[in-house]
PDB file of N, CA and C in Angstrom:
ATOM      1  N   MET A   1       0.848  -1.179   0.006  1.00  0.00           N
ATOM      2  CA  MET A   1      -0.023   0.000  -0.006  1.00  0.00           C
ATOM      3  C   MET A   1       0.879   1.255  -0.027  1.00  0.00           C
ATOM      4  N   VAL A   2       0.350   2.354  -0.475  1.00  0.00           N
ATOM      5  CA  VAL A   2       1.150   3.536  -0.632  1.00  0.00           C
ATOM      6  C   VAL A   2       0.604   4.575   0.348  1.00  0.00           C
ATOM      7  N   ARG A   3       1.535   5.307   0.976  1.00  0.00           N
ATOM      8  CA  ARG A   3       1.139   6.330   1.934  1.00  0.00           C
ATOM      9  C   ARG A   3       0.294   7.403   1.228  1.00  0.00           C
ATOM     10  N   PRO A   4      -0.748   7.962   1.902  1.00  0.00           N
ATOM     11  CA  PRO A   4      -1.633   8.934   1.276  1.00  0.00           C
ATOM     12  C   PRO A   4      -0.916  10.131   0.635  1.00  0.00           C
ATOM     13  N   SER A   5       0.136  10.685   1.286  1.00  0.00           N
ATOM     14  CA  SER A   5       0.768  11.846   0.683  1.00  0.00           C
ATOM     15  C   SER A   5       1.422  11.525  -0.592  1.00  0.00           C
ATOM     16  N   VAL A   6       1.770  10.272  -0.784  1.00  0.00           N
ATOM     17  CA  VAL A   6       2.332   9.850  -2.098  1.00  0.00           C
ATOM     18  C   VAL A   6       1.197   9.772  -3.126  1.00  0.00           C
ATOM     19  N   ARG A   7       0.030   9.368  -2.735  1.00  0.00           N
ATOM     20  CA  ARG A   7      -1.127   9.276  -3.603  1.00  0.00           C
ATOM     21  C   ARG A   7      -1.428  10.650  -4.239  1.00  0.00           C
ATOM     22  N   ALA A   8      -1.425  11.718  -3.433  1.00  0.00           N
ATOM     23  CA  ALA A   8      -1.736  13.037  -3.868  1.00  0.00           C
ATOM     24  C   ALA A   8      -0.738  13.485  -5.020  1.00  0.00           C
ATOM     25  N   SER A   9       0.517  13.260  -4.768  1.00  0.00           N
ATOM     26  CA  SER A   9       1.499  13.659  -5.756  1.00  0.00           C
ATOM     27  C   SER A   9       1.384  12.847  -7.010  1.00  0.00           C
ATOM     28  N   LEU A  10       1.004  11.581  -6.902  1.00  0.00           N
ATOM     29  CA  LEU A  10       0.825  10.715  -8.115  1.00  0.00           C
ATOM     30  C   LEU A  10      -0.314  11.248  -8.947  1.00  0.00           C
ATOM     31  N   LEU A  11      -1.414  11.648  -8.303  1.00  0.00           N
ATOM     32  CA  LEU A  11      -2.600  12.147  -9.051  1.00  0.00           C
ATOM     33  C   LEU A  11      -2.241  13.459  -9.763  1.00  0.00           C
ATOM     34  N   GLU A  12      -1.479  14.300  -9.078  1.00  0.00           N
ATOM     35  CA  GLU A  12      -1.091  15.581  -9.705  1.00  0.00           C
ATOM     36  C   GLU A  12      -0.258  15.300 -10.984  1.00  0.00           C
ATOM     37  N   CYS A  13       0.376  14.176 -11.066  1.00  0.00           N
ATOM     38  CA  CYS A  13       1.181  13.829 -12.225  1.00  0.00           C
ATOM     39  C   CYS A  13       0.338  13.112 -13.317  1.00  0.00           C
ATOM     40  N   GLY A  14      -1.004  13.056 -13.075  1.00  0.00           N
ATOM     41  CA  GLY A  14      -1.867  12.423 -14.054  1.00  0.00           C
ATOM     42  C   GLY A  14      -2.241  10.941 -13.806  1.00  0.00           C
ATOM     43  N   LEU A  15      -1.701  10.380 -12.736  1.00  0.00           N
ATOM     44  CA  LEU A  15      -2.029   8.986 -12.431  1.00  0.00           C
ATOM     45  C   LEU A  15      -3.338   8.935 -11.662  1.00  0.00           C
ATOM     46  N   GLN A  16      -4.344   8.205 -12.228  1.00  0.00           N
ATOM     47  CA  GLN A  16      -5.670   8.174 -11.596  1.00  0.00           C
ATOM     48  C   GLN A  16      -5.940   6.797 -10.964  1.00  0.00           C
ATOM     49  N   ARG A  17      -5.101   5.788 -11.252  1.00  0.00           N
ATOM     50  CA  ARG A  17      -5.235   4.480 -10.648  1.00  0.00           C
ATOM     51  C   ARG A  17      -3.927   4.046 -10.101  1.00  0.00           C
ATOM     52  N   LEU A  18      -3.985   3.247  -9.043  1.00  0.00           N
ATOM     53  CA  LEU A  18      -2.789   2.724  -8.435  1.00  0.00           C
ATOM     54  C   LEU A  18      -2.889   1.245  -8.312  1.00  0.00           C
ATOM     55  N   TRP A  19      -1.960   0.511  -8.937  1.00  0.00           N
ATOM     56  CA  TRP A  19      -1.944  -0.962  -8.863  1.00  0.00           C
ATOM     57  C   TRP A  19      -0.847  -1.375  -7.867  1.00  0.00           C
ATOM     58  N   PHE A  20      -1.071  -2.495  -7.190  1.00  0.00           N
ATOM     59  CA  PHE A  20      -0.020  -3.038  -6.329  1.00  0.00           C
ATOM     60  C   PHE A  20      -0.097  -4.540  -6.285  1.00  0.00           C
ATOM     61  N   ALA A  21       1.011  -5.159  -5.980  1.00  0.00           N
ATOM     62  CA  ALA A  21       1.177  -6.635  -5.734  1.00  0.00           C
ATOM     63  C   ALA A  21       2.315  -6.713  -4.740  1.00  0.00           C
ATOM     64  N   ASP A  22       2.082  -7.500  -3.688  1.00  0.00           N
ATOM     65  CA  ASP A  22       3.072  -7.641  -2.630  1.00  0.00           C
ATOM     66  C   ASP A  22       2.931  -8.934  -1.881  1.00  0.00           C
ATOM     67  N   ASN A  23       3.833  -9.196  -1.002  1.00  0.00           N
ATOM     68  CA  ASN A  23       3.778 -10.348  -0.095  1.00  0.00           C
ATOM     69  C   ASN A  23       3.060  -9.950   1.141  1.00  0.00           C
ATOM     70  N   LEU A  24       2.367 -10.961   1.747  1.00  0.00           N
ATOM     71  CA  LEU A  24       1.707 -10.748   3.071  1.00  0.00           C
ATOM     72  C   LEU A  24       2.486 -11.585   4.130  1.00  0.00           C
ATOM     73  N   TYR A  25       2.675 -10.925   5.281  1.00  0.00           N
ATOM     74  CA  TYR A  25       3.450 -11.539   6.366  1.00  0.00           C
ATOM     75  C   TYR A  25       2.626 -11.515   7.647  1.00  0.00           C
ATOM     76  N   LYS A  26       2.963 -12.428   8.512  1.00  0.00           N
ATOM     77  CA  LYS A  26       2.400 -12.388   9.858  1.00  0.00           C
ATOM     78  C   LYS A  26       3.164 -11.310  10.633  1.00  0.00           C
ATOM     79  N   TRP A  27       2.476 -10.489  11.409  1.00  0.00           N
ATOM     80  CA  TRP A  27       3.093  -9.365  12.102  1.00  0.00           C
ATOM     81  C   TRP A  27       2.833  -9.476  13.615  1.00  0.00           C
ATOM     82  N   ALA A  28       3.809  -9.002  14.367  1.00  0.00           N
ATOM     83  CA  ALA A  28       3.637  -8.807  15.837  1.00  0.00           C
ATOM     84  C   ALA A  28       4.038  -7.324  16.067  1.00  0.00           C
ATOM     85  N   GLY A  29       2.994  -6.467  16.115  1.00  0.00           N
ATOM     86  CA  GLY A  29       3.284  -5.049  16.193  1.00  0.00           C
ATOM     87  C   GLY A  29       3.884  -4.546  14.920  1.00  0.00           C
ATOM     88  N   THR A  30       5.118  -4.008  14.945  1.00  0.00           N
ATOM     89  CA  THR A  30       5.818  -3.587  13.701  1.00  0.00           C
ATOM     90  C   THR A  30       6.906  -4.547  13.356  1.00  0.00           C
ATOM     91  N   LYS A  31       6.921  -5.711  13.926  1.00  0.00           N
ATOM     92  CA  LYS A  31       7.964  -6.745  13.616  1.00  0.00           C
ATOM     93  C   LYS A  31       7.358  -7.784  12.667  1.00  0.00           C
ATOM     94  N   ARG A  32       7.993  -7.939  11.530  1.00  0.00           N
ATOM     95  CA  ARG A  32       7.543  -8.846  10.486  1.00  0.00           C
ATOM     96  C   ARG A  32       7.957 -10.285  10.746  1.00  0.00           C
ATOM     97  N   GLY A  33       7.057 -11.205  10.544  1.00  0.00           N
ATOM     98  CA  GLY A  33       7.287 -12.631  10.759  1.00  0.00           C
ATOM     99  C   GLY A  33       7.267 -13.368   9.416  1.00  0.00           C
ATOM    100  N   ALA A  34       6.790 -14.604   9.445  1.00  0.00           N
ATOM    101  CA  ALA A  34       6.809 -15.474   8.290  1.00  0.00           C
ATOM    102  C   ALA A  34       5.832 -14.983   7.198  1.00  0.00           C
ATOM    103  N   LYS A  35       6.221 -15.260   5.929  1.00  0.00           N
ATOM    104  CA  LYS A  35       5.349 -14.982   4.763  1.00  0.00           C
ATOM    105  C   LYS A  35       4.111 -15.891   4.862  1.00  0.00           C
ATOM    106  N   VAL A  36       2.902 -15.314   4.700  1.00  0.00           N
ATOM    107  CA  VAL A  36       1.674 -16.130   4.721  1.00  0.00           C
ATOM    108  C   VAL A  36       0.888 -16.103   3.426  1.00  0.00           C
ATOM    109  N   GLY A  37       1.320 -15.273   2.444  1.00  0.00           N
ATOM    110  CA  GLY A  37       0.609 -15.199   1.152  1.00  0.00           C
ATOM    111  C   GLY A  37       1.049 -14.011   0.337  1.00  0.00           C
ATOM    112  N   THR A  38       0.208 -13.683  -0.642  1.00  0.00           N
ATOM    113  CA  THR A  38       0.458 -12.542  -1.483  1.00  0.00           C
ATOM    114  C   THR A  38      -0.853 -11.728  -1.606  1.00  0.00           C
ATOM    115  N   ASP A  39      -0.698 -10.532  -2.096  1.00  0.00           N
ATOM    116  CA  ASP A  39      -1.919  -9.713  -2.378  1.00  0.00           C
ATOM    117  C   ASP A  39      -1.719  -8.934  -3.629  1.00  0.00           C
ATOM    118  N   GLN A  40      -2.789  -8.464  -4.208  1.00  0.00           N
ATOM    119  CA  GLN A  40      -2.776  -7.562  -5.362  1.00  0.00           C
ATOM    120  C   GLN A  40      -4.092  -6.814  -5.375  1.00  0.00           C
ATOM    121  N   GLY A  41      -4.030  -5.594  -5.951  1.00  0.00           N
ATOM    122  CA  GLY A  41      -5.231  -4.831  -5.949  1.00  0.00           C
ATOM    123  C   GLY A  41      -5.051  -3.570  -6.848  1.00  0.00           C
ATOM    124  N   ILE A  42      -6.141  -2.786  -6.849  1.00  0.00           N
ATOM    125  CA  ILE A  42      -6.195  -1.525  -7.641  1.00  0.00           C
ATOM    126  C   ILE A  42      -6.986  -0.542  -6.830  1.00  0.00           C
ATOM    127  N   GLY A  43      -6.500   0.745  -6.901  1.00  0.00           N
ATOM    128  CA  GLY A  43      -7.266   1.825  -6.258  1.00  0.00           C
ATOM    129  C   GLY A  43      -7.524   2.877  -7.327  1.00  0.00           C
ATOM    130  N   THR A  44      -8.723   3.343  -7.393  1.00  0.00           N
ATOM    131  CA  THR A  44      -9.105   4.443  -8.306  1.00  0.00           C
ATOM    132  C   THR A  44      -9.375   5.659  -7.491  1.00  0.00           C
ATOM    133  N   PHE A  45      -8.674   6.705  -7.829  1.00  0.00           N
ATOM    134  CA  PHE A  45      -8.812   7.960  -7.031  1.00  0.00           C
ATOM    135  C   PHE A  45     -10.176   8.650  -7.414  1.00  0.00           C
ATOM    136  N   LEU A  46     -10.934   8.985  -6.431  1.00  0.00           N
ATOM    137  CA  LEU A  46     -12.179   9.687  -6.642  1.00  0.00           C
ATOM    138  C   LEU A  46     -12.049  11.169  -6.372  1.00  0.00           C
ATOM    139  N   SER A  47     -11.234  11.541  -5.398  1.00  0.00           N
ATOM    140  CA  SER A  47     -10.930  12.951  -5.156  1.00  0.00           C
ATOM    141  C   SER A  47      -9.581  13.020  -4.415  1.00  0.00           C
ATOM    142  N   VAL A  48      -8.857  14.127  -4.687  1.00  0.00           N
ATOM    143  CA  VAL A  48      -7.593  14.333  -4.030  1.00  0.00           C
ATOM    144  C   VAL A  48      -7.447  15.786  -3.753  1.00  0.00           C
ATOM    145  N   THR A  49      -7.086  16.163  -2.541  1.00  0.00           N
ATOM    146  CA  THR A  49      -6.759  17.577  -2.180  1.00  0.00           C
ATOM    147  C   THR A  49      -5.434  17.487  -1.486  1.00  0.00           C
ATOM    148  N   LYS A  50      -4.890  18.718  -1.116  1.00  0.00           N
ATOM    149  CA  LYS A  50      -3.650  18.734  -0.433  1.00  0.00           C
ATOM    150  C   LYS A  50      -3.734  18.124   0.974  1.00  0.00           C
ATOM    151  N   SER A  51      -4.937  18.061   1.546  1.00  0.00           N
ATOM    152  CA  SER A  51      -5.094  17.471   2.858  1.00  0.00           C
ATOM    153  C   SER A  51      -5.522  16.038   2.863  1.00  0.00           C
ATOM    154  N   GLY A  52      -5.906  15.482   1.767  1.00  0.00           N
ATOM    155  CA  GLY A  52      -6.338  14.069   1.692  1.00  0.00           C
ATOM    156  C   GLY A  52      -7.188  13.754   0.458  1.00  0.00           C
ATOM    157  N   GLY A  53      -8.076  12.786   0.633  1.00  0.00           N
ATOM    158  CA  GLY A  53      -8.916  12.505  -0.496  1.00  0.00           C
ATOM    159  C   GLY A  53      -9.671  11.151  -0.270  1.00  0.00           C
ATOM    160  N   THR A  54     -10.275  10.685  -1.371  1.00  0.00           N
ATOM    161  CA  THR A  54     -11.003   9.374  -1.337  1.00  0.00           C
ATOM    162  C   THR A  54     -10.501   8.486  -2.479  1.00  0.00           C
ATOM    163  N   GLN A  55     -10.610   7.187  -2.278  1.00  0.00           N
ATOM    164  CA  GLN A  55     -10.161   6.245  -3.307  1.00  0.00           C
ATOM    165  C   GLN A  55     -11.118   4.985  -3.191  1.00  0.00           C
ATOM    166  N   MET A  56     -11.513   4.525  -4.367  1.00  0.00           N
ATOM    167  CA  MET A  56     -12.246   3.268  -4.418  1.00  0.00           C
ATOM    168  C   MET A  56     -11.219   2.187  -4.581  1.00  0.00           C
ATOM    169  N   PHE A  57     -11.337   1.153  -3.746  1.00  0.00           N
ATOM    170  CA  PHE A  57     -10.233   0.236  -3.585  1.00  0.00           C
ATOM    171  C   PHE A  57     -10.744  -1.209  -3.636  1.00  0.00           C
ATOM    172  N   ASP A  58     -10.100  -2.083  -4.463  1.00  0.00           N
ATOM    173  CA  ASP A  58     -10.405  -3.526  -4.560  1.00  0.00           C
ATOM    174  C   ASP A  58      -9.122  -4.272  -4.473  1.00  0.00           C
ATOM    175  N   ALA A  59      -9.082  -5.388  -3.650  1.00  0.00           N
ATOM    176  CA  ALA A  59      -7.900  -6.149  -3.514  1.00  0.00           C
ATOM    177  C   ALA A  59      -8.252  -7.629  -3.295  1.00  0.00           C
ATOM    178  N   GLN A  60      -7.230  -8.457  -3.522  1.00  0.00           N
ATOM    179  CA  GLN A  60      -7.373  -9.940  -3.246  1.00  0.00           C
ATOM    180  C   GLN A  60      -6.136 -10.375  -2.489  1.00  0.00           C
ATOM    181  N   ALA A  61      -6.384 -11.096  -1.384  1.00  0.00           N
ATOM    182  CA  ALA A  61      -5.330 -11.652  -0.600  1.00  0.00           C
ATOM    183  C   ALA A  61      -5.296 -13.168  -0.873  1.00  0.00           C
ATOM    184  N   ASN A  62      -4.177 -13.708  -1.362  1.00  0.00           N
ATOM    185  CA  ASN A  62      -4.054 -15.162  -1.643  1.00  0.00           C
ATOM    186  C   ASN A  62      -3.323 -15.755  -0.507  1.00  0.00           C
ATOM    187  N   LEU A  63      -4.008 -16.626   0.220  1.00  0.00           N
ATOM    188  CA  LEU A  63      -3.482 -17.298   1.404  1.00  0.00           C
ATOM    189  C   LEU A  63      -3.534 -18.802   1.216  1.00  0.00           C
ATOM    190  N   SER A  64      -2.932 -19.498   2.111  1.00  0.00           N
ATOM    191  CA  SER A  64      -2.921 -20.983   2.022  1.00  0.00           C
ATOM    192  C   SER A  64      -4.412 -21.451   2.144  1.00  0.00           C
ATOM    193  N   GLY A  65      -4.860 -22.168   1.203  1.00  0.00           N
ATOM    194  CA  GLY A  65      -6.215 -22.684   1.222  1.00  0.00           C
ATOM    195  C   GLY A  65      -7.262 -21.880   0.534  1.00  0.00           C
ATOM    196  N   GLY A  66      -6.895 -20.676   0.013  1.00  0.00           N
ATOM    197  CA  GLY A  66      -7.915 -19.908  -0.674  1.00  0.00           C
ATOM    198  C   GLY A  66      -7.575 -18.402  -0.746  1.00  0.00           C
ATOM    199  N   SER A  67      -8.501 -17.595  -1.184  1.00  0.00           N
ATOM    200  CA  SER A  67      -8.304 -16.143  -1.296  1.00  0.00           C
ATOM    201  C   SER A  67      -9.410 -15.415  -0.546  1.00  0.00           C
ATOM    202  N   ILE A  68      -9.079 -14.158  -0.178  1.00  0.00           N
ATOM    203  CA  ILE A  68     -10.070 -13.274   0.387  1.00  0.00           C
ATOM    204  C   ILE A  68     -10.129 -11.985  -0.408  1.00  0.00           C
ATOM    205  N   LEU A  69     -11.352 -11.559  -0.792  1.00  0.00           N
ATOM    206  CA  LEU A  69     -11.541 -10.351  -1.590  1.00  0.00           C
ATOM    207  C   LEU A  69     -12.046  -9.236  -0.668  1.00  0.00           C
ATOM    208  N   VAL A  70     -11.459  -8.081  -0.874  1.00  0.00           N
ATOM    209  CA  VAL A  70     -11.875  -6.925  -0.033  1.00  0.00           C
ATOM    210  C   VAL A  70     -12.089  -5.718  -0.925  1.00  0.00           C
ATOM    211  N   GLY A  71     -12.921  -4.739  -0.487  1.00  0.00           N
ATOM    212  CA  GLY A  71     -13.159  -3.610  -1.314  1.00  0.00           C
ATOM    213  C   GLY A  71     -13.897  -2.533  -0.505  1.00  0.00           C
ATOM    214  N   GLY A  72     -13.946  -1.324  -1.094  1.00  0.00           N
ATOM    215  CA  GLY A  72     -14.683  -0.251  -0.517  1.00  0.00           C
ATOM    216  C   GLY A  72     -14.071   1.075  -0.907  1.00  0.00           C
ATOM    217  N   VAL A  73     -14.628   2.140  -0.323  1.00  0.00           N
ATOM    218  CA  VAL A  73     -14.134   3.513  -0.519  1.00  0.00           C
ATOM    219  C   VAL A  73     -13.388   3.937   0.728  1.00  0.00           C
ATOM    220  N   ILE A  74     -12.195   4.375   0.560  1.00  0.00           N
ATOM    221  CA  ILE A  74     -11.429   4.812   1.755  1.00  0.00           C
ATOM    222  C   ILE A  74     -11.278   6.326   1.692  1.00  0.00           C
ATOM    223  N   THR A  75     -11.283   6.969   2.810  1.00  0.00           N
ATOM    224  CA  THR A  75     -11.042   8.382   2.927  1.00  0.00           C
ATOM    225  C   THR A  75      -9.726   8.483   3.734  1.00  0.00           C
ATOM    226  N   TYR A  76      -8.818   9.286   3.269  1.00  0.00           N
ATOM    227  CA  TYR A  76      -7.521   9.419   3.929  1.00  0.00           C
ATOM    228  C   TYR A  76      -7.121  10.849   4.073  1.00  0.00           C
ATOM    229  N   LYS A  77      -6.201  11.090   5.023  1.00  0.00           N
ATOM    230  CA  LYS A  77      -5.641  12.375   5.323  1.00  0.00           C
ATOM    231  C   LYS A  77      -4.181  12.233   5.016  1.00  0.00           C
ATOM    232  N   ASN A  78      -3.565  13.319   4.536  1.00  0.00           N
ATOM    233  CA  ASN A  78      -2.102  13.343   4.278  1.00  0.00           C
ATOM    234  C   ASN A  78      -1.352  13.505   5.603  1.00  0.00           C
ATOM    235  N   VAL A  79      -1.196  12.412   6.293  1.00  0.00           N
ATOM    236  CA  VAL A  79      -0.496  12.441   7.547  1.00  0.00           C
ATOM    237  C   VAL A  79       0.519  11.299   7.498  1.00  0.00           C
ATOM    238  N   SER A  80       1.502  11.236   8.391  1.00  0.00           N
ATOM    239  CA  SER A  80       2.517  10.272   8.344  1.00  0.00           C
ATOM    240  C   SER A  80       2.038   8.813   8.701  1.00  0.00           C
ATOM    241  N   GLU A  81       0.927   8.754   9.424  1.00  0.00           N
ATOM    242  CA  GLU A  81       0.421   7.470   9.743  1.00  0.00           C
ATOM    243  C   GLU A  81      -1.140   7.502   9.551  1.00  0.00           C
ATOM    244  N   SER A  82      -1.644   6.547   8.845  1.00  0.00           N
ATOM    245  CA  SER A  82      -3.101   6.512   8.553  1.00  0.00           C
ATOM    246  C   SER A  82      -3.623   5.125   8.730  1.00  0.00           C
ATOM    247  N   THR A  83      -4.897   5.024   8.977  1.00  0.00           N
ATOM    248  CA  THR A  83      -5.584   3.738   9.162  1.00  0.00           C
ATOM    249  C   THR A  83      -6.945   3.804   8.427  1.00  0.00           C
ATOM    250  N   PHE A  84      -7.298   2.758   7.744  1.00  0.00           N
ATOM    251  CA  PHE A  84      -8.643   2.682   7.118  1.00  0.00           C
ATOM    252  C   PHE A  84      -9.130   1.245   7.104  1.00  0.00           C
ATOM    253  N   LYS A  85     -10.426   1.134   6.925  1.00  0.00           N
ATOM    254  CA  LYS A  85     -11.127  -0.179   6.935  1.00  0.00           C
ATOM    255  C   LYS A  85     -11.660  -0.490   5.505  1.00  0.00           C
ATOM    256  N   LEU A  86     -11.622  -1.784   5.170  1.00  0.00           N
ATOM    257  CA  LEU A  86     -12.208  -2.253   3.883  1.00  0.00           C
ATOM    258  C   LEU A  86     -13.126  -3.472   4.264  1.00  0.00           C
ATOM    259  N   ALA A  87     -14.212  -3.610   3.599  1.00  0.00           N
ATOM    260  CA  ALA A  87     -15.045  -4.753   3.814  1.00  0.00           C
ATOM    261  C   ALA A  87     -14.553  -5.942   3.094  1.00  0.00           C
ATOM    262  N   VAL A  88     -14.726  -7.132   3.702  1.00  0.00           N
ATOM    263  CA  VAL A  88     -14.439  -8.416   3.080  1.00  0.00           C
ATOM    264  C   VAL A  88     -15.708  -8.690   2.230  1.00  0.00           C
ATOM    265  N   THR A  89     -15.491  -8.831   0.931  1.00  0.00           N
ATOM    266  CA  THR A  89     -16.618  -9.020  -0.009  1.00  0.00           C
ATOM    267  C   THR A  89     -16.819 -10.422  -0.502  1.00  0.00           C
ATOM    268  N   GLY A  90     -15.877 -11.333  -0.148  1.00  0.00           N
ATOM    269  CA  GLY A  90     -16.007 -12.727  -0.612  1.00  0.00           C
ATOM    270  C   GLY A  90     -14.734 -13.474  -0.391  1.00  0.00           C
ATOM    271  N   GLY A  91     -14.773 -14.729  -0.860  1.00  0.00           N
ATOM    272  CA  GLY A  91     -13.592 -15.526  -0.713  1.00  0.00           C
ATOM    273  C   GLY A  91     -13.717 -16.842  -1.491  1.00  0.00           C
ATOM    274  N   THR A  92     -12.614 -17.546  -1.566  1.00  0.00           N
ATOM    275  CA  THR A  92     -12.598 -18.858  -2.244  1.00  0.00           C
ATOM    276  C   THR A  92     -11.976 -19.898  -1.314  1.00  0.00           C
ATOM    277  N   GLY A  93     -12.151 -21.173  -1.706  1.00  0.00           N
ATOM    278  CA  GLY A  93     -11.553 -22.254  -0.928  1.00  0.00           C
ATOM    279  C   GLY A  93     -12.040 -22.225   0.518  1.00  0.00           C
ATOM    280  N   LYS A  94     -11.152 -22.320   1.475  1.00  0.00           N
ATOM    281  CA  LYS A  94     -11.584 -22.374   2.870  1.00  0.00           C
ATOM    282  C   LYS A  94     -12.148 -21.051   3.327  1.00  0.00           C
ATOM    283  N   TYR A  95     -12.036 -20.005   2.520  1.00  0.00           N
ATOM    284  CA  TYR A  95     -12.590 -18.669   2.796  1.00  0.00           C
ATOM    285  C   TYR A  95     -13.929 -18.417   2.089  1.00  0.00           C
ATOM    286  N   ASP A  96     -14.484 -19.486   1.452  1.00  0.00           N
ATOM    287  CA  ASP A  96     -15.741 -19.341   0.706  1.00  0.00           C
ATOM    288  C   ASP A  96     -16.857 -18.848   1.688  1.00  0.00           C
ATOM    289  N   ASN A  97     -17.580 -17.836   1.279  1.00  0.00           N
ATOM    290  CA  ASN A  97     -18.658 -17.191   2.069  1.00  0.00           C
ATOM    291  C   ASN A  97     -18.150 -16.505   3.354  1.00  0.00           C
ATOM    292  N   VAL A  98     -16.907 -16.167   3.460  1.00  0.00           N
ATOM    293  CA  VAL A  98     -16.356 -15.484   4.591  1.00  0.00           C
ATOM    294  C   VAL A  98     -16.914 -14.009   4.634  1.00  0.00           C
ATOM    295  N   HIS A  99     -17.057 -13.448   5.791  1.00  0.00           N
ATOM    296  CA  HIS A  99     -17.513 -12.094   6.005  1.00  0.00           C
ATOM    297  C   HIS A  99     -16.487 -11.431   6.932  1.00  0.00           C
ATOM    298  N   GLY A 100     -16.583 -10.101   7.018  1.00  0.00           N
ATOM    299  CA  GLY A 100     -15.788  -9.384   7.941  1.00  0.00           C
ATOM    300  C   GLY A 100     -15.200  -8.125   7.362  1.00  0.00           C
ATOM    301  N   TYR A 101     -14.018  -7.711   7.815  1.00  0.00           N
ATOM    302  CA  TYR A 101     -13.354  -6.523   7.342  1.00  0.00           C
ATOM    303  C   TYR A 101     -11.858  -6.618   7.641  1.00  0.00           C
ATOM    304  N   ILE A 102     -11.121  -5.744   7.009  1.00  0.00           N
ATOM    305  CA  ILE A 102      -9.718  -5.605   7.353  1.00  0.00           C
ATOM    306  C   ILE A 102      -9.466  -4.146   7.753  1.00  0.00           C
ATOM    307  N   VAL A 103      -8.480  -3.975   8.676  1.00  0.00           N
ATOM    308  CA  VAL A 103      -8.018  -2.669   9.054  1.00  0.00           C
ATOM    309  C   VAL A 103      -6.569  -2.582   8.534  1.00  0.00           C
ATOM    310  N   VAL A 104      -6.325  -1.569   7.720  1.00  0.00           N
ATOM    311  CA  VAL A 104      -5.003  -1.422   7.186  1.00  0.00           C
ATOM    312  C   VAL A 104      -4.394  -0.179   7.901  1.00  0.00           C
ATOM    313  N   LYS A 105      -3.242  -0.412   8.512  1.00  0.00           N
ATOM    314  CA  LYS A 105      -2.525   0.645   9.188  1.00  0.00           C
ATOM    315  C   LYS A 105      -1.205   0.904   8.499  1.00  0.00           C
ATOM    316  N   GLN A 106      -1.015   2.154   8.097  1.00  0.00           N
ATOM    317  CA  GLN A 106       0.228   2.559   7.482  1.00  0.00           C
ATOM    318  C   GLN A 106       1.272   2.811   8.544  1.00  0.00           C
ATOM    319  N   PHE A 107       2.468   2.268   8.381  1.00  0.00           N
ATOM    320  CA  PHE A 107       3.536   2.465   9.363  1.00  0.00           C
ATOM    321  C   PHE A 107       4.046   3.921   9.212  1.00  0.00           C
ATOM    322  N   SER A 108       4.239   4.542  10.352  1.00  0.00           N
ATOM    323  CA  SER A 108       4.758   5.909  10.362  1.00  0.00           C
ATOM    324  C   SER A 108       6.109   6.064   9.667  1.00  0.00           C
ATOM    325  N   GLY A 109       6.139   7.009   8.730  1.00  0.00           N
ATOM    326  CA  GLY A 109       7.426   7.344   8.106  1.00  0.00           C
ATOM    327  C   GLY A 109       7.763   6.372   6.919  1.00  0.00           C
ATOM    328  N   GLU A 110       6.985   5.418   6.628  1.00  0.00           N
ATOM    329  CA  GLU A 110       7.215   4.439   5.552  1.00  0.00           C
ATOM    330  C   GLU A 110       6.386   4.800   4.316  1.00  0.00           C
ATOM    331  N   THR A 111       6.922   4.706   3.162  1.00  0.00           N
ATOM    332  CA  THR A 111       6.199   5.094   1.939  1.00  0.00           C
ATOM    333  C   THR A 111       5.396   3.882   1.340  1.00  0.00           C
ATOM    334  N   ASN A 112       5.723   2.666   1.692  1.00  0.00           N
ATOM    335  CA  ASN A 112       5.013   1.579   1.081  1.00  0.00           C
ATOM    336  C   ASN A 112       4.870   0.346   2.011  1.00  0.00           C
ATOM    337  N   LYS A 113       4.840   0.615   3.343  1.00  0.00           N
ATOM    338  CA  LYS A 113       4.688  -0.517   4.256  1.00  0.00           C
ATOM    339  C   LYS A 113       3.441  -0.275   5.102  1.00  0.00           C
ATOM    340  N   SER A 114       2.598  -1.323   5.167  1.00  0.00           N
ATOM    341  CA  SER A 114       1.386  -1.255   5.948  1.00  0.00           C
ATOM    342  C   SER A 114       1.099  -2.643   6.525  1.00  0.00           C
ATOM    343  N   ASN A 115       0.205  -2.635   7.493  1.00  0.00           N
ATOM    344  CA  ASN A 115      -0.171  -3.861   8.207  1.00  0.00           C
ATOM    345  C   ASN A 115      -1.682  -4.096   7.991  1.00  0.00           C
ATOM    346  N   PRO A 116      -2.076  -4.949   7.064  1.00  0.00           N
ATOM    347  CA  PRO A 116      -3.501  -5.286   6.968  1.00  0.00           C
ATOM    348  C   PRO A 116      -3.855  -6.372   8.014  1.00  0.00           C
ATOM    349  N   GLU A 117      -4.792  -6.012   8.859  1.00  0.00           N
ATOM    350  CA  GLU A 117      -5.238  -6.915   9.926  1.00  0.00           C
ATOM    351  C   GLU A 117      -6.632  -7.457   9.591  1.00  0.00           C
ATOM    352  N   PHE A 118      -6.737  -8.786   9.345  1.00  0.00           N
ATOM    353  CA  PHE A 118      -8.002  -9.377   8.961  1.00  0.00           C
ATOM    354  C   PHE A 118      -8.884  -9.719  10.153  1.00  0.00           C
ATOM    355  N   HIS A 119     -10.158  -9.334  10.069  1.00  0.00           N
ATOM    356  CA  HIS A 119     -11.198  -9.663  11.058  1.00  0.00           C
ATOM    357  C   HIS A 119     -12.267 -10.468  10.378  1.00  0.00           C
ATOM    358  N   LEU A 120     -12.151 -11.783  10.455  1.00  0.00           N
ATOM    359  CA  LEU A 120     -13.024 -12.687   9.603  1.00  0.00           C
ATOM    360  C   LEU A 120     -14.070 -13.399  10.434  1.00  0.00           C
ATOM    361  N   LEU A 121     -15.266 -13.502   9.866  1.00  0.00           N
ATOM    362  CA  LEU A 121     -16.316 -14.315  10.469  1.00  0.00           C
ATOM    363  C   LEU A 121     -16.770 -15.355   9.447  1.00  0.00           C
ATOM    364  N   PRO A 122     -17.062 -16.546   9.923  1.00  0.00           N
ATOM    365  CA  PRO A 122     -17.487 -17.582   8.978  1.00  0.00           C
ATOM    366  C   PRO A 122     -18.787 -17.286   8.238  1.00  0.00           C
TER     367      PRO A 122
END
């Protein structure tokens, strides 16, 4: 994931969508543990100002035994640390019919490091 202040400068350069693909790790606070899967997604900017903006966001987390789909509209502020929630919209394999949400927390001072925390219900 990209820090919100980077998003604003990307849009000013004419970029209206942001794609990403990365590895997912188990975390303990800000300490990274073992790799647990991969993710990929796309964000479409809906509005951007110097203080923040909104983005429509869709992503897929590929984990052992299946995938989890998430999506929604996020509102962000251009601050060094931000947090937002996305709805779990579906899943495959052992995550078939899963519900819940994820909380994504941007690490302070990092341009591309975040911690997606999954809150899943069967």
